[in-house]
């Protein structure tokens, strides 16, 4: 049985991770309009940021052992490969898939946190 504390932690982590994924996705799209030198610098920062978010997802996937967390982790890994290959714009697709999984996780946690008698 999952506890209220575990649900709250899951929701908080999912919300934090989702925010990071949104920030990274939007910044990738903005970086497409940068000069080559600026774009290279932006991609370096974005890779580091995505690596940190990915570490959080991998940690939760191991602890929580949830299929959706594992799917989100795999999508972030694919996005990192795209970024390291110099095609950061293609990473947005995988980040969107990861965001969808994380949003589903947050939604499930929030649903379970709601009191049953709440209308």
PDB file of N, CA and C in Angstrom:
ATOM      1  N   UNK A   1       0.851  -1.190   0.000  1.00  0.00           N
ATOM      2  CA  UNK A   1       0.000   0.000   0.000  1.00  0.00           C
ATOM      3  C   UNK A   1       0.889   1.242   0.000  1.00  0.00           C
ATOM      4  N   UNK A   2       0.615   2.127  -0.902  1.00  0.00           N
ATOM      5  CA  UNK A   2       1.385   3.360  -1.000  1.00  0.00           C
ATOM      6  C   UNK A   2       0.842   4.374   0.022  1.00  0.00           C
ATOM      7  N   UNK A   3       1.740   5.048   0.692  1.00  0.00           N
ATOM      8  CA  UNK A   3       1.337   5.984   1.737  1.00  0.00           C
ATOM      9  C   UNK A   3       1.083   7.377   1.161  1.00  0.00           C
ATOM     10  N   UNK A   4       0.409   8.190   1.953  1.00  0.00           N
ATOM     11  CA  UNK A   4       0.146   9.577   1.556  1.00  0.00           C
ATOM     12  C   UNK A   4       1.469  10.316   1.361  1.00  0.00           C
ATOM     13  N   UNK A   5       2.440  10.040   2.206  1.00  0.00           N
ATOM     14  CA  UNK A   5       3.751  10.689   2.074  1.00  0.00           C
ATOM     15  C   UNK A   5       4.403  10.300   0.749  1.00  0.00           C
ATOM     16  N   UNK A   6       4.350   9.033   0.385  1.00  0.00           N
ATOM     17  CA  UNK A   6       4.928   8.594  -0.884  1.00  0.00           C
ATOM     18  C   UNK A   6       4.218   9.251  -2.067  1.00  0.00           C
ATOM     19  N   UNK A   7       2.913   9.382  -1.993  1.00  0.00           N
ATOM     20  CA  UNK A   7       2.156  10.040  -3.056  1.00  0.00           C
ATOM     21  C   UNK A   7       2.548  11.511  -3.169  1.00  0.00           C
ATOM     22  N   UNK A   8       2.694  12.160  -2.021  1.00  0.00           N
ATOM     23  CA  UNK A   8       3.067  13.574  -2.026  1.00  0.00           C
ATOM     24  C   UNK A   8       4.466  13.767  -2.608  1.00  0.00           C
ATOM     25  N   UNK A   9       5.383  12.890  -2.257  1.00  0.00           N
ATOM     26  CA  UNK A   9       6.749  12.961  -2.790  1.00  0.00           C
ATOM     27  C   UNK A   9       6.729  12.706  -4.293  1.00  0.00           C
ATOM     28  N   UNK A  10       5.949  11.719  -4.718  1.00  0.00           N
ATOM     29  CA  UNK A  10       5.843  11.418  -6.148  1.00  0.00           C
ATOM     30  C   UNK A  10       5.304  12.617  -6.907  1.00  0.00           C
ATOM     31  N   UNK A  11       4.258  13.227  -6.379  1.00  0.00           N
ATOM     32  CA  UNK A  11       3.673  14.396  -7.041  1.00  0.00           C
ATOM     33  C   UNK A  11       4.680  15.548  -7.112  1.00  0.00           C
ATOM     34  N   UNK A  12       5.358  15.813  -6.011  1.00  0.00           N
ATOM     35  CA  UNK A  12       6.330  16.918  -5.969  1.00  0.00           C
ATOM     36  C   UNK A  12       7.482  16.672  -6.941  1.00  0.00           C
ATOM     37  N   UNK A  13       8.008  15.458  -6.955  1.00  0.00           N
ATOM     38  CA  UNK A  13       9.105  15.124  -7.872  1.00  0.00           C
ATOM     39  C   UNK A  13       8.648  15.233  -9.325  1.00  0.00           C
ATOM     40  N   UNK A  14       7.459  14.712  -9.611  1.00  0.00           N
ATOM     41  CA  UNK A  14       6.945  14.768 -10.975  1.00  0.00           C
ATOM     42  C   UNK A  14       6.774  16.214 -11.424  1.00  0.00           C
ATOM     43  N   UNK A  15       6.262  17.052 -10.538  1.00  0.00           N
ATOM     44  CA  UNK A  15       6.056  18.457 -10.887  1.00  0.00           C
ATOM     45  C   UNK A  15       7.382  19.160 -11.142  1.00  0.00           C
ATOM     46  N   UNK A  16       8.369  18.873 -10.305  1.00  0.00           N
ATOM     47  CA  UNK A  16       9.703  19.468 -10.471  1.00  0.00           C
ATOM     48  C   UNK A  16      10.335  19.017 -11.785  1.00  0.00           C
ATOM     49  N   UNK A  17      10.242  17.736 -12.076  1.00  0.00           N
ATOM     50  CA  UNK A  17      10.829  17.179 -13.293  1.00  0.00           C
ATOM     51  C   UNK A  17      10.120  17.719 -14.530  1.00  0.00           C
ATOM     52  N   UNK A  18       8.797  17.794 -14.458  1.00  0.00           N
ATOM     53  CA  UNK A  18       8.032  18.317 -15.582  1.00  0.00           C
ATOM     54  C   UNK A  18       8.441  19.758 -15.894  1.00  0.00           C
ATOM     55  N   UNK A  19       8.635  20.554 -14.867  1.00  0.00           N
ATOM     56  CA  UNK A  19       9.078  21.941 -15.067  1.00  0.00           C
ATOM     57  C   UNK A  19      10.435  21.993 -15.762  1.00  0.00           C
ATOM     58  N   UNK A  20      11.341  21.131 -15.339  1.00  0.00           N
ATOM     59  CA  UNK A  20      12.653  21.088 -15.971  1.00  0.00           C
ATOM     60  C   UNK A  20      12.571  20.669 -17.431  1.00  0.00           C
ATOM     61  N   UNK A  21      11.734  19.678 -17.725  1.00  0.00           N
ATOM     62  CA  UNK A  21      11.582  19.220 -19.108  1.00  0.00           C
ATOM     63  C   UNK A  21      10.973  20.297 -19.993  1.00  0.00           C
ATOM     64  N   UNK A  22       9.999  21.028 -19.461  1.00  0.00           N
ATOM     65  CA  UNK A  22       9.391  22.127 -20.222  1.00  0.00           C
ATOM     66  C   UNK A  22      10.428  23.201 -20.503  1.00  0.00           C
ATOM     67  N   UNK A  23      11.188  23.579 -19.478  1.00  0.00           N
ATOM     68  CA  UNK A  23      12.217  24.618 -19.633  1.00  0.00           C
ATOM     69  C   UNK A  23      13.230  24.197 -20.697  1.00  0.00           C
ATOM     70  N   UNK A  24      13.680  22.976 -20.632  1.00  0.00           N
ATOM     71  CA  UNK A  24      14.680  22.483 -21.583  1.00  0.00           C
ATOM     72  C   UNK A  24      14.108  22.464 -22.998  1.00  0.00           C
ATOM     73  N   UNK A  25      12.895  21.959 -23.157  1.00  0.00           N
ATOM     74  CA  UNK A  25      12.276  21.892 -24.491  1.00  0.00           C
ATOM     75  C   UNK A  25      12.128  23.280 -25.110  1.00  0.00           C
ATOM     76  N   UNK A  26      11.643  24.216 -24.319  1.00  0.00           N
ATOM     77  CA  UNK A  26      11.459  25.572 -24.836  1.00  0.00           C
ATOM     78  C   UNK A  26      12.795  26.220 -25.171  1.00  0.00           C
ATOM     79  N   UNK A  27      13.792  25.987 -24.360  1.00  0.00           N
ATOM     80  CA  UNK A  27      15.098  26.588 -24.608  1.00  0.00           C
ATOM     81  C   UNK A  27      15.768  25.973 -25.832  1.00  0.00           C
ATOM     82  N   UNK A  28      15.550  24.688 -26.068  1.00  0.00           N
ATOM     83  CA  UNK A  28      16.067  24.064 -27.294  1.00  0.00           C
ATOM     84  C   UNK A  28      15.474  24.771 -28.504  1.00  0.00           C
ATOM     85  N   UNK A  29      14.172  25.010 -28.465  1.00  0.00           N
ATOM     86  CA  UNK A  29      13.516  25.670 -29.591  1.00  0.00           C
ATOM     87  C   UNK A  29      14.026  27.099 -29.777  1.00  0.00           C
ATOM     88  N   UNK A  30      14.266  27.797 -28.693  1.00  0.00           N
ATOM     89  CA  UNK A  30      14.819  29.152 -28.775  1.00  0.00           C
ATOM     90  C   UNK A  30      16.230  29.116 -29.344  1.00  0.00           C
ATOM     91  N   UNK A  31      17.004  28.108 -28.950  1.00  0.00           N
ATOM     92  CA  UNK A  31      18.409  28.032 -29.386  1.00  0.00           C
ATOM     93  C   UNK A  31      18.540  27.812 -30.884  1.00  0.00           C
ATOM     94  N   UNK A  32      17.498  27.306 -31.524  1.00  0.00           N
ATOM     95  CA  UNK A  32      17.546  27.079 -32.970  1.00  0.00           C
ATOM     96  C   UNK A  32      17.779  28.381 -33.741  1.00  0.00           C
ATOM     97  N   UNK A  33      17.392  29.510 -33.147  1.00  0.00           N
ATOM     98  CA  UNK A  33      17.545  30.807 -33.818  1.00  0.00           C
ATOM     99  C   UNK A  33      18.866  31.510 -33.465  1.00  0.00           C
ATOM    100  N   UNK A  34      19.691  30.877 -32.668  1.00  0.00           N
ATOM    101  CA  UNK A  34      20.953  31.496 -32.237  1.00  0.00           C
ATOM    102  C   UNK A  34      22.045  31.317 -33.279  1.00  0.00           C
ATOM    103  N   UNK A  35      23.067  32.148 -33.142  1.00  0.00           N
ATOM    104  CA  UNK A  35      24.244  31.985 -34.004  1.00  0.00           C
ATOM    105  C   UNK A  35      24.919  30.657 -33.641  1.00  0.00           C
ATOM    106  N   UNK A  36      25.742  30.118 -34.529  1.00  0.00           N
ATOM    107  CA  UNK A  36      26.386  28.825 -34.231  1.00  0.00           C
ATOM    108  C   UNK A  36      27.158  28.810 -32.905  1.00  0.00           C
ATOM    109  N   UNK A  37      27.883  29.865 -32.611  1.00  0.00           N
ATOM    110  CA  UNK A  37      28.651  29.902 -31.354  1.00  0.00           C
ATOM    111  C   UNK A  37      27.723  29.939 -30.145  1.00  0.00           C
ATOM    112  N   UNK A  38      26.688  30.779 -30.217  1.00  0.00           N
ATOM    113  CA  UNK A  38      25.731  30.857 -29.111  1.00  0.00           C
ATOM    114  C   UNK A  38      24.988  29.530 -28.946  1.00  0.00           C
ATOM    115  N   UNK A  39      24.629  28.936 -30.067  1.00  0.00           N
ATOM    116  CA  UNK A  39      23.889  27.671 -30.042  1.00  0.00           C
ATOM    117  C   UNK A  39      24.722  26.573 -29.385  1.00  0.00           C
ATOM    118  N   UNK A  40      26.006  26.520 -29.686  1.00  0.00           N
ATOM    119  CA  UNK A  40      26.885  25.512 -29.096  1.00  0.00           C
ATOM    120  C   UNK A  40      26.938  25.671 -27.577  1.00  0.00           C
ATOM    121  N   UNK A  41      27.064  26.916 -27.124  1.00  0.00           N
ATOM    122  CA  UNK A  41      27.081  27.172 -25.685  1.00  0.00           C
ATOM    123  C   UNK A  41      25.761  26.806 -25.022  1.00  0.00           C
ATOM    124  N   UNK A  42      24.663  27.170 -25.683  1.00  0.00           N
ATOM    125  CA  UNK A  42      23.345  26.850 -25.144  1.00  0.00           C
ATOM    126  C   UNK A  42      23.150  25.337 -25.061  1.00  0.00           C
ATOM    127  N   UNK A  43      23.577  24.623 -26.087  1.00  0.00           N
ATOM    128  CA  UNK A  43      23.410  23.174 -26.094  1.00  0.00           C
ATOM    129  C   UNK A  43      24.232  22.507 -24.998  1.00  0.00           C
ATOM    130  N   UNK A  44      25.392  23.060 -24.693  1.00  0.00           N
ATOM    131  CA  UNK A  44      26.201  22.522 -23.599  1.00  0.00           C
ATOM    132  C   UNK A  44      25.467  22.673 -22.274  1.00  0.00           C
ATOM    133  N   UNK A  45      24.906  23.852 -22.044  1.00  0.00           N
ATOM    134  CA  UNK A  45      24.151  24.094 -20.810  1.00  0.00           C
ATOM    135  C   UNK A  45      22.924  23.185 -20.759  1.00  0.00           C
ATOM    136  N   UNK A  46      22.229  23.062 -21.892  1.00  0.00           N
ATOM    137  CA  UNK A  46      21.022  22.234 -21.941  1.00  0.00           C
ATOM    138  C   UNK A  46      21.330  20.756 -21.702  1.00  0.00           C
ATOM    139  N   UNK A  47      22.435  20.288 -22.247  1.00  0.00           N
ATOM    140  CA  UNK A  47      22.818  18.896 -22.008  1.00  0.00           C
ATOM    141  C   UNK A  47      23.065  18.648 -20.525  1.00  0.00           C
ATOM    142  N   UNK A  48      23.752  19.584 -19.882  1.00  0.00           N
ATOM    143  CA  UNK A  48      24.021  19.442 -18.448  1.00  0.00           C
ATOM    144  C   UNK A  48      22.719  19.455 -17.651  1.00  0.00           C
ATOM    145  N   UNK A  49      21.819  20.358 -18.014  1.00  0.00           N
ATOM    146  CA  UNK A  49      20.534  20.451 -17.323  1.00  0.00           C
ATOM    147  C   UNK A  49      19.723  19.166 -17.529  1.00  0.00           C
ATOM    148  N   UNK A  50      19.692  18.679 -18.772  1.00  0.00           N
ATOM    149  CA  UNK A  50      18.939  17.463 -19.058  1.00  0.00           C
ATOM    150  C   UNK A  50      19.554  16.263 -18.341  1.00  0.00           C
ATOM    151  N   UNK A  51      20.858  16.256 -18.233  1.00  0.00           N
ATOM    152  CA  UNK A  51      21.520  15.172 -17.503  1.00  0.00           C
ATOM    153  C   UNK A  51      21.083  15.178 -16.030  1.00  0.00           C
ATOM    154  N   UNK A  52      20.975  16.360 -15.432  1.00  0.00           N
ATOM    155  CA  UNK A  52      20.522  16.458 -14.039  1.00  0.00           C
ATOM    156  C   UNK A  52      19.076  15.985 -13.895  1.00  0.00           C
ATOM    157  N   UNK A  53      18.214  16.416 -14.816  1.00  0.00           N
ATOM    158  CA  UNK A  53      16.816  15.985 -14.769  1.00  0.00           C
ATOM    159  C   UNK A  53      16.736  14.476 -14.988  1.00  0.00           C
ATOM    160  N   UNK A  54      17.520  13.982 -15.927  1.00  0.00           N
ATOM    161  CA  UNK A  54      17.554  12.543 -16.187  1.00  0.00           C
ATOM    162  C   UNK A  54      17.994  11.743 -14.972  1.00  0.00           C
ATOM    163  N   UNK A  55      18.984  12.265 -14.242  1.00  0.00           N
ATOM    164  CA  UNK A  55      19.427  11.589 -13.019  1.00  0.00           C
ATOM    165  C   UNK A  55      18.287  11.476 -12.007  1.00  0.00           C
ATOM    166  N   UNK A  56      17.499  12.545 -11.881  1.00  0.00           N
ATOM    167  CA  UNK A  56      16.347  12.519 -10.970  1.00  0.00           C
ATOM    168  C   UNK A  56      15.348  11.451 -11.400  1.00  0.00           C
ATOM    169  N   UNK A  57      15.070  11.392 -12.698  1.00  0.00           N
ATOM    170  CA  UNK A  57      14.113  10.412 -13.203  1.00  0.00           C
ATOM    171  C   UNK A  57      14.629   8.992 -12.981  1.00  0.00           C
ATOM    172  N   UNK A  58      15.899   8.755 -13.277  1.00  0.00           N
ATOM    173  CA  UNK A  58      16.471   7.419 -13.087  1.00  0.00           C
ATOM    174  C   UNK A  58      16.425   7.007 -11.618  1.00  0.00           C
ATOM    175  N   UNK A  59      16.683   7.943 -10.719  1.00  0.00           N
ATOM    176  CA  UNK A  59      16.644   7.644  -9.289  1.00  0.00           C
ATOM    177  C   UNK A  59      15.232   7.218  -8.879  1.00  0.00           C
ATOM    178  N   UNK A  60      14.236   7.978  -9.315  1.00  0.00           N
ATOM    179  CA  UNK A  60      12.855   7.657  -8.953  1.00  0.00           C
ATOM    180  C   UNK A  60      12.419   6.358  -9.618  1.00  0.00           C
ATOM    181  N   UNK A  61      12.844   6.136 -10.846  1.00  0.00           N
ATOM    182  CA  UNK A  61      12.482   4.898 -11.541  1.00  0.00           C
ATOM    183  C   UNK A  61      13.006   3.679 -10.785  1.00  0.00           C
ATOM    184  N   UNK A  62      14.218   3.799 -10.218  1.00  0.00           N
ATOM    185  CA  UNK A  62      14.781   2.682  -9.444  1.00  0.00           C
ATOM    186  C   UNK A  62      14.052   2.506  -8.117  1.00  0.00           C
ATOM    187  N   UNK A  63      13.770   3.605  -7.455  1.00  0.00           N
ATOM    188  CA  UNK A  63      13.111   3.544  -6.146  1.00  0.00           C
ATOM    189  C   UNK A  63      11.652   3.133  -6.288  1.00  0.00           C
ATOM    190  N   UNK A  64      10.951   3.821  -7.192  1.00  0.00           N
ATOM    191  CA  UNK A  64       9.524   3.579  -7.344  1.00  0.00           C
ATOM    192  C   UNK A  64       9.201   2.399  -8.224  1.00  0.00           C
ATOM    193  N   UNK A  65      10.132   2.026  -9.075  1.00  0.00           N
ATOM    194  CA  UNK A  65       9.970   0.887  -9.969  1.00  0.00           C
ATOM    195  C   UNK A  65       8.693   0.988 -10.811  1.00  0.00           C
ATOM    196  N   UNK A  66       8.321   2.210 -11.171  1.00  0.00           N
ATOM    197  CA  UNK A  66       7.122   2.400 -11.979  1.00  0.00           C
ATOM    198  C   UNK A  66       7.444   2.365 -13.465  1.00  0.00           C
ATOM    199  N   UNK A  67       6.564   1.743 -14.220  1.00  0.00           N
ATOM    200  CA  UNK A  67       6.763   1.623 -15.665  1.00  0.00           C
ATOM    201  C   UNK A  67       6.819   2.991 -16.332  1.00  0.00           C
ATOM    202  N   UNK A  68       5.953   3.922 -15.917  1.00  0.00           N
ATOM    203  CA  UNK A  68       5.959   5.246 -16.535  1.00  0.00           C
ATOM    204  C   UNK A  68       7.259   6.001 -16.251  1.00  0.00           C
ATOM    205  N   UNK A  69       7.800   5.833 -15.047  1.00  0.00           N
ATOM    206  CA  UNK A  69       9.086   6.468 -14.743  1.00  0.00           C
ATOM    207  C   UNK A  69      10.172   5.888 -15.643  1.00  0.00           C
ATOM    208  N   UNK A  70      10.131   4.590 -15.858  1.00  0.00           N
ATOM    209  CA  UNK A  70      11.127   3.946 -16.719  1.00  0.00           C
ATOM    210  C   UNK A  70      10.994   4.415 -18.165  1.00  0.00           C
ATOM    211  N   UNK A  71       9.760   4.605 -18.623  1.00  0.00           N
ATOM    212  CA  UNK A  71       9.543   5.129 -19.972  1.00  0.00           C
ATOM    213  C   UNK A  71      10.069   6.555 -20.089  1.00  0.00           C
ATOM    214  N   UNK A  72       9.800   7.367 -19.078  1.00  0.00           N
ATOM    215  CA  UNK A  72      10.296   8.746 -19.085  1.00  0.00           C
ATOM    216  C   UNK A  72      11.823   8.760 -19.099  1.00  0.00           C
ATOM    217  N   UNK A  73      12.440   7.877 -18.327  1.00  0.00           N
ATOM    218  CA  UNK A  73      13.903   7.796 -18.291  1.00  0.00           C
ATOM    219  C   UNK A  73      14.455   7.415 -19.659  1.00  0.00           C
ATOM    220  N   UNK A  74      13.821   6.460 -20.322  1.00  0.00           N
ATOM    221  CA  UNK A  74      14.280   6.047 -21.654  1.00  0.00           C
ATOM    222  C   UNK A  74      14.150   7.188 -22.657  1.00  0.00           C
ATOM    223  N   UNK A  75      13.068   7.953 -22.572  1.00  0.00           N
ATOM    224  CA  UNK A  75      12.892   9.085 -23.487  1.00  0.00           C
ATOM    225  C   UNK A  75      13.927  10.179 -23.235  1.00  0.00           C
ATOM    226  N   UNK A  76      14.246  10.433 -21.984  1.00  0.00           N
ATOM    227  CA  UNK A  76      15.282  11.422 -21.668  1.00  0.00           C
ATOM    228  C   UNK A  76      16.635  10.945 -22.178  1.00  0.00           C
ATOM    229  N   UNK A  77      16.917   9.669 -22.030  1.00  0.00           N
ATOM    230  CA  UNK A  77      18.167   9.118 -22.555  1.00  0.00           C
ATOM    231  C   UNK A  77      18.262   9.316 -24.065  1.00  0.00           C
ATOM    232  N   UNK A  78      17.163   9.067 -24.770  1.00  0.00           N
ATOM    233  CA  UNK A  78      17.142   9.273 -26.223  1.00  0.00           C
ATOM    234  C   UNK A  78      17.356  10.747 -26.570  1.00  0.00           C
ATOM    235  N   UNK A  79      16.742  11.626 -25.802  1.00  0.00           N
ATOM    236  CA  UNK A  79      16.917  13.062 -26.037  1.00  0.00           C
ATOM    237  C   UNK A  79      18.377  13.477 -25.834  1.00  0.00           C
ATOM    238  N   UNK A  80      19.007  12.918 -24.823  1.00  0.00           N
ATOM    239  CA  UNK A  80      20.432  13.221 -24.592  1.00  0.00           C
ATOM    240  C   UNK A  80      21.297  12.756 -25.761  1.00  0.00           C
ATOM    241  N   UNK A  81      20.989  11.589 -26.303  1.00  0.00           N
ATOM    242  CA  UNK A  81      21.733  11.084 -27.462  1.00  0.00           C
ATOM    243  C   UNK A  81      21.579  12.052 -28.628  1.00  0.00           C
ATOM    244  N   UNK A  82      20.355  12.520 -28.852  1.00  0.00           N
ATOM    245  CA  UNK A  82      20.106  13.478 -29.937  1.00  0.00           C
ATOM    246  C   UNK A  82      20.910  14.761 -29.724  1.00  0.00           C
ATOM    247  N   UNK A  83      20.909  15.248 -28.502  1.00  0.00           N
ATOM    248  CA  UNK A  83      21.636  16.493 -28.211  1.00  0.00           C
ATOM    249  C   UNK A  83      23.131  16.300 -28.402  1.00  0.00           C
ATOM    250  N   UNK A  84      23.659  15.190 -27.917  1.00  0.00           N
ATOM    251  CA  UNK A  84      25.094  14.934 -28.055  1.00  0.00           C
ATOM    252  C   UNK A  84      25.500  14.712 -29.507  1.00  0.00           C
ATOM    253  N   UNK A  85      24.531  14.311 -30.333  1.00  0.00           N
ATOM    254  CA  UNK A  85      24.794  14.083 -31.757  1.00  0.00           C
ATOM    255  C   UNK A  85      24.682  15.360 -32.576  1.00  0.00           C
ATOM    256  N   UNK A  86      24.366  16.452 -31.906  1.00  0.00           N
ATOM    257  CA  UNK A  86      24.271  17.731 -32.607  1.00  0.00           C
ATOM    258  C   UNK A  86      22.926  18.010 -33.249  1.00  0.00           C
ATOM    259  N   UNK A  87      21.924  17.225 -32.904  1.00  0.00           N
ATOM    260  CA  UNK A  87      20.591  17.462 -33.448  1.00  0.00           C
ATOM    261  C   UNK A  87      19.604  17.681 -32.298  1.00  0.00           C
ATOM    262  N   UNK A  88      19.867  18.737 -31.541  1.00  0.00           N
ATOM    263  CA  UNK A  88      19.063  19.036 -30.357  1.00  0.00           C
ATOM    264  C   UNK A  88      17.590  19.243 -30.696  1.00  0.00           C
ATOM    265  N   UNK A  89      17.311  19.822 -31.844  1.00  0.00           N
ATOM    266  CA  UNK A  89      15.926  20.044 -32.231  1.00  0.00           C
ATOM    267  C   UNK A  89      15.115  18.761 -32.286  1.00  0.00           C
ATOM    268  N   UNK A  90      15.770  17.663 -32.617  1.00  0.00           N
ATOM    269  CA  UNK A  90      15.095  16.366 -32.675  1.00  0.00           C
ATOM    270  C   UNK A  90      14.819  15.800 -31.279  1.00  0.00           C
ATOM    271  N   UNK A  91      15.482  16.332 -30.273  1.00  0.00           N
ATOM    272  CA  UNK A  91      15.297  15.848 -28.902  1.00  0.00           C
ATOM    273  C   UNK A  91      13.942  16.239 -28.339  1.00  0.00           C
ATOM    274  N   UNK A  92      13.347  17.293 -28.878  1.00  0.00           N
ATOM    275  CA  UNK A  92      12.080  17.797 -28.338  1.00  0.00           C
ATOM    276  C   UNK A  92      10.992  16.718 -28.378  1.00  0.00           C
ATOM    277  N   UNK A  93      10.981  15.916 -29.414  1.00  0.00           N
ATOM    278  CA  UNK A  93       9.988  14.836 -29.515  1.00  0.00           C
ATOM    279  C   UNK A  93      10.090  13.894 -28.307  1.00  0.00           C
ATOM    280  N   UNK A  94      11.295  13.502 -27.968  1.00  0.00           N
ATOM    281  CA  UNK A  94      11.490  12.581 -26.838  1.00  0.00           C
ATOM    282  C   UNK A  94      11.198  13.267 -25.507  1.00  0.00           C
ATOM    283  N   UNK A  95      11.520  14.545 -25.418  1.00  0.00           N
ATOM    284  CA  UNK A  95      11.215  15.285 -24.193  1.00  0.00           C
ATOM    285  C   UNK A  95       9.705  15.422 -24.005  1.00  0.00           C
ATOM    286  N   UNK A  96       8.989  15.597 -25.107  1.00  0.00           N
ATOM    287  CA  UNK A  96       7.526  15.681 -25.032  1.00  0.00           C
ATOM    288  C   UNK A  96       6.934  14.358 -24.551  1.00  0.00           C
ATOM    289  N   UNK A  97       7.482  13.255 -25.031  1.00  0.00           N
ATOM    290  CA  UNK A  97       7.027  11.941 -24.572  1.00  0.00           C
ATOM    291  C   UNK A  97       7.313  11.767 -23.075  1.00  0.00           C
ATOM    292  N   UNK A  98       8.497  12.209 -22.641  1.00  0.00           N
ATOM    293  CA  UNK A  98       8.842  12.117 -21.214  1.00  0.00           C
ATOM    294  C   UNK A  98       7.900  12.985 -20.383  1.00  0.00           C
ATOM    295  N   UNK A  99       7.593  14.189 -20.889  1.00  0.00           N
ATOM    296  CA  UNK A  99       6.660  15.078 -20.174  1.00  0.00           C
ATOM    297  C   UNK A  99       5.286  14.431 -20.041  1.00  0.00           C
ATOM    298  N   UNK A 100       4.847  13.754 -21.075  1.00  0.00           N
ATOM    299  CA  UNK A 100       3.546  13.082 -21.041  1.00  0.00           C
ATOM    300  C   UNK A 100       3.524  12.003 -19.956  1.00  0.00           C
ATOM    301  N   UNK A 101       4.572  11.213 -19.886  1.00  0.00           N
ATOM    302  CA  UNK A 101       4.653  10.162 -18.863  1.00  0.00           C
ATOM    303  C   UNK A 101       4.673  10.769 -17.464  1.00  0.00           C
ATOM    304  N   UNK A 102       5.465  11.815 -17.282  1.00  0.00           N
ATOM    305  CA  UNK A 102       5.583  12.449 -15.964  1.00  0.00           C
ATOM    306  C   UNK A 102       4.267  13.125 -15.573  1.00  0.00           C
ATOM    307  N   UNK A 103       3.589  13.722 -16.543  1.00  0.00           N
ATOM    308  CA  UNK A 103       2.282  14.334 -16.271  1.00  0.00           C
ATOM    309  C   UNK A 103       1.273  13.274 -15.840  1.00  0.00           C
ATOM    310  N   UNK A 104       1.315  12.113 -16.468  1.00  0.00           N
ATOM    311  CA  UNK A 104       0.429  11.007 -16.076  1.00  0.00           C
ATOM    312  C   UNK A 104       0.720  10.557 -14.645  1.00  0.00           C
ATOM    313  N   UNK A 105       1.988  10.480 -14.313  1.00  0.00           N
ATOM    314  CA  UNK A 105       2.384  10.089 -12.949  1.00  0.00           C
ATOM    315  C   UNK A 105       1.856  11.095 -11.938  1.00  0.00           C
ATOM    316  N   UNK A 106       2.045  12.372 -12.219  1.00  0.00           N
ATOM    317  CA  UNK A 106       1.573  13.425 -11.308  1.00  0.00           C
ATOM    318  C   UNK A 106       0.055  13.374 -11.169  1.00  0.00           C
ATOM    319  N   UNK A 107      -0.632  13.153 -12.283  1.00  0.00           N
ATOM    320  CA  UNK A 107      -2.090  13.083 -12.250  1.00  0.00           C
ATOM    321  C   UNK A 107      -2.591  11.926 -11.407  1.00  0.00           C
ATOM    322  N   UNK A 108      -1.952  10.777 -11.548  1.00  0.00           N
ATOM    323  CA  UNK A 108      -2.337   9.611 -10.746  1.00  0.00           C
ATOM    324  C   UNK A 108      -2.103   9.872  -9.262  1.00  0.00           C
ATOM    325  N   UNK A 109      -0.961  10.455  -8.952  1.00  0.00           N
ATOM    326  CA  UNK A 109      -0.658  10.752  -7.545  1.00  0.00           C
ATOM    327  C   UNK A 109      -1.669  11.745  -6.978  1.00  0.00           C
ATOM    328  N   UNK A 110      -2.004  12.773  -7.753  1.00  0.00           N
ATOM    329  CA  UNK A 110      -2.956  13.775  -7.279  1.00  0.00           C
ATOM    330  C   UNK A 110      -4.336  13.148  -7.076  1.00  0.00           C
ATOM    331  N   UNK A 111      -4.740  12.284  -7.983  1.00  0.00           N
ATOM    332  CA  UNK A 111      -6.037  11.605  -7.854  1.00  0.00           C
ATOM    333  C   UNK A 111      -6.086  10.784  -6.571  1.00  0.00           C
ATOM    334  N   UNK A 112      -5.009  10.067  -6.291  1.00  0.00           N
ATOM    335  CA  UNK A 112      -4.975   9.236  -5.086  1.00  0.00           C
ATOM    336  C   UNK A 112      -4.864  10.063  -3.809  1.00  0.00           C
ATOM    337  N   UNK A 113      -4.349  11.287  -3.928  1.00  0.00           N
ATOM    338  CA  UNK A 113      -4.252  12.161  -2.750  1.00  0.00           C
ATOM    339  C   UNK A 113      -5.584  12.822  -2.397  1.00  0.00           C
ATOM    340  N   UNK A 114      -6.498  12.885  -3.359  1.00  0.00           N
ATOM    341  CA  UNK A 114      -7.789  13.522  -3.121  1.00  0.00           C
ATOM    342  C   UNK A 114      -8.615  12.692  -2.128  1.00  0.00           C
ATOM    343  N   UNK A 115      -9.229  13.358  -1.156  1.00  0.00           N
ATOM    344  CA  UNK A 115     -10.106  12.611  -0.239  1.00  0.00           C
ATOM    345  C   UNK A 115     -11.276  12.015  -1.027  1.00  0.00           C
ATOM    346  N   UNK A 116     -11.689  10.819  -0.643  1.00  0.00           N
ATOM    347  CA  UNK A 116     -12.765  10.123  -1.358  1.00  0.00           C
ATOM    348  C   UNK A 116     -14.100  10.851  -1.285  1.00  0.00           C
ATOM    349  N   UNK A 117     -14.326  11.589  -0.223  1.00  0.00           N
ATOM    350  CA  UNK A 117     -15.616  12.278  -0.051  1.00  0.00           C
ATOM    351  C   UNK A 117     -15.599  13.682  -0.649  1.00  0.00           C
ATOM    352  N   UNK A 118     -14.532  14.073  -1.276  1.00  0.00           N
ATOM    353  CA  UNK A 118     -14.421  15.397  -1.872  1.00  0.00           C
ATOM    354  C   UNK A 118     -15.279  15.458  -3.126  1.00  0.00           C
ATOM    355  N   UNK A 119     -16.089  16.484  -3.260  1.00  0.00           N
ATOM    356  CA  UNK A 119     -16.931  16.637  -4.458  1.00  0.00           C
ATOM    357  C   UNK A 119     -16.402  17.680  -5.362  1.00  0.00           C
TER     358      UNK A 119
END
